[in-house]
Amino acid sequence: MKEYRDNGASLGWLINRKTRQVEIYRIGQEVEVLDNPTSLSGENVLPGFVLNLAAIW
């Protein structure tokens, strides 16, 4: 994720299927860790986008 952030990505999701955790990376913020979320929002980067995690888990 560091490389993505270094190249200008303003939102990144690191999805770990084994632990059912998602790390959310945002510019200028600490990493947020979610346990077993049902979906992820594209926030202001991808307005209206929602990733349903049911198919991934």
C-alpha atoms as a PDB file:
ATOM      1  CA  MET A   1       0.000   0.000   0.000  1.00  0.00           C
ATOM      2  CA  LYS A   2       2.922   2.329   0.582  1.00  0.00           C
ATOM      3  CA  GLU A   3       3.733   2.283  -3.120  1.00  0.00           C
ATOM      4  CA  TYR A   4       0.132   3.097  -4.060  1.00  0.00           C
ATOM      5  CA  ARG A   5       0.050   5.966  -1.552  1.00  0.00           C
ATOM      6  CA  ASP A   6       3.417   7.237  -2.735  1.00  0.00           C
ATOM      7  CA  ASN A   7       1.993   7.368  -6.264  1.00  0.00           C
ATOM      8  CA  GLY A   8      -1.060   9.397  -5.303  1.00  0.00           C
ATOM      9  CA  ALA A   9      -3.771   6.910  -4.391  1.00  0.00           C
ATOM     10  CA  SER A  10      -6.133   8.704  -2.019  1.00  0.00           C
ATOM     11  CA  LEU A  11      -8.058   5.600  -0.912  1.00  0.00           C
ATOM     12  CA  GLY A  12      -6.853   2.034  -0.626  1.00  0.00           C
ATOM     13  CA  TRP A  13      -8.335  -1.178   0.709  1.00  0.00           C
ATOM     14  CA  LEU A  14      -6.199  -4.096   1.762  1.00  0.00           C
ATOM     15  CA  ILE A  15      -8.541  -7.074   2.051  1.00  0.00           C
ATOM     16  CA  ASN A  16      -7.450 -10.146   4.012  1.00  0.00           C
ATOM     17  CA  ARG A  17      -9.841 -13.024   3.301  1.00  0.00           C
ATOM     18  CA  LYS A  18      -8.339 -15.355   5.917  1.00  0.00           C
ATOM     19  CA  THR A  19      -8.891 -12.973   8.841  1.00  0.00           C
ATOM     20  CA  ARG A  20     -11.889 -11.183   7.309  1.00  0.00           C
ATOM     21  CA  GLN A  21     -10.229  -7.873   7.953  1.00  0.00           C
ATOM     22  CA  VAL A  22      -9.920  -4.793   5.781  1.00  0.00           C
ATOM     23  CA  GLU A  23      -7.297  -2.107   6.223  1.00  0.00           C
ATOM     24  CA  ILE A  24      -8.411   1.258   4.845  1.00  0.00           C
ATOM     25  CA  TYR A  25      -5.727   3.687   3.777  1.00  0.00           C
ATOM     26  CA  ARG A  26      -6.522   7.379   3.323  1.00  0.00           C
ATOM     27  CA  ILE A  27      -4.228  10.320   2.641  1.00  0.00           C
ATOM     28  CA  GLY A  28      -3.121  12.058   5.829  1.00  0.00           C
ATOM     29  CA  GLN A  29      -4.853   9.593   8.170  1.00  0.00           C
ATOM     30  CA  GLU A  30      -3.939   6.579  10.240  1.00  0.00           C
ATOM     31  CA  VAL A  31      -4.860   3.163   8.849  1.00  0.00           C
ATOM     32  CA  GLU A  32      -8.362   2.070   9.849  1.00  0.00           C
ATOM     33  CA  VAL A  33      -8.907  -1.664  10.425  1.00  0.00           C
ATOM     34  CA  LEU A  34     -12.383  -3.176  10.046  1.00  0.00           C
ATOM     35  CA  ASP A  35     -13.277  -6.662  11.279  1.00  0.00           C
ATOM     36  CA  ASN A  36     -15.665  -8.628   9.064  1.00  0.00           C
ATOM     37  CA  PRO A  37     -17.322  -5.682   7.283  1.00  0.00           C
ATOM     38  CA  THR A  38     -20.242  -6.444   4.972  1.00  0.00           C
ATOM     39  CA  SER A  39     -19.381  -3.710   2.473  1.00  0.00           C
ATOM     40  CA  LEU A  40     -16.934  -0.921   1.683  1.00  0.00           C
ATOM     41  CA  SER A  41     -17.790   2.559   0.477  1.00  0.00           C
ATOM     42  CA  GLY A  42     -15.935   4.427  -2.235  1.00  0.00           C
ATOM     43  CA  GLU A  43     -16.359   7.498  -0.037  1.00  0.00           C
ATOM     44  CA  ASN A  44     -15.642  10.783  -1.817  1.00  0.00           C
ATOM     45  CA  VAL A  45     -13.138   9.109  -4.179  1.00  0.00           C
ATOM     46  CA  LEU A  46     -15.778   6.947  -5.898  1.00  0.00           C
ATOM     47  CA  PRO A  47     -19.120   8.483  -4.895  1.00  0.00           C
ATOM     48  CA  GLY A  48     -21.950   5.970  -4.924  1.00  0.00           C
ATOM     49  CA  PHE A  49     -19.636   2.953  -5.241  1.00  0.00           C
ATOM     50  CA  VAL A  50     -20.156   0.167  -2.711  1.00  0.00           C
ATOM     51  CA  LEU A  51     -18.178  -3.067  -2.686  1.00  0.00           C
ATOM     52  CA  ASN A  52     -20.275  -5.937  -1.323  1.00  0.00           C
ATOM     53  CA  LEU A  53     -17.925  -8.277   0.518  1.00  0.00           C
ATOM     54  CA  ALA A  54     -20.328 -11.239   0.695  1.00  0.00           C
ATOM     55  CA  ALA A  55     -18.827 -12.733  -2.464  1.00  0.00           C
ATOM     56  CA  ILE A  56     -15.301 -12.310  -1.099  1.00  0.00           C
ATOM     57  CA  TRP A  57     -15.893 -13.841   2.328  1.00  0.00           C
END
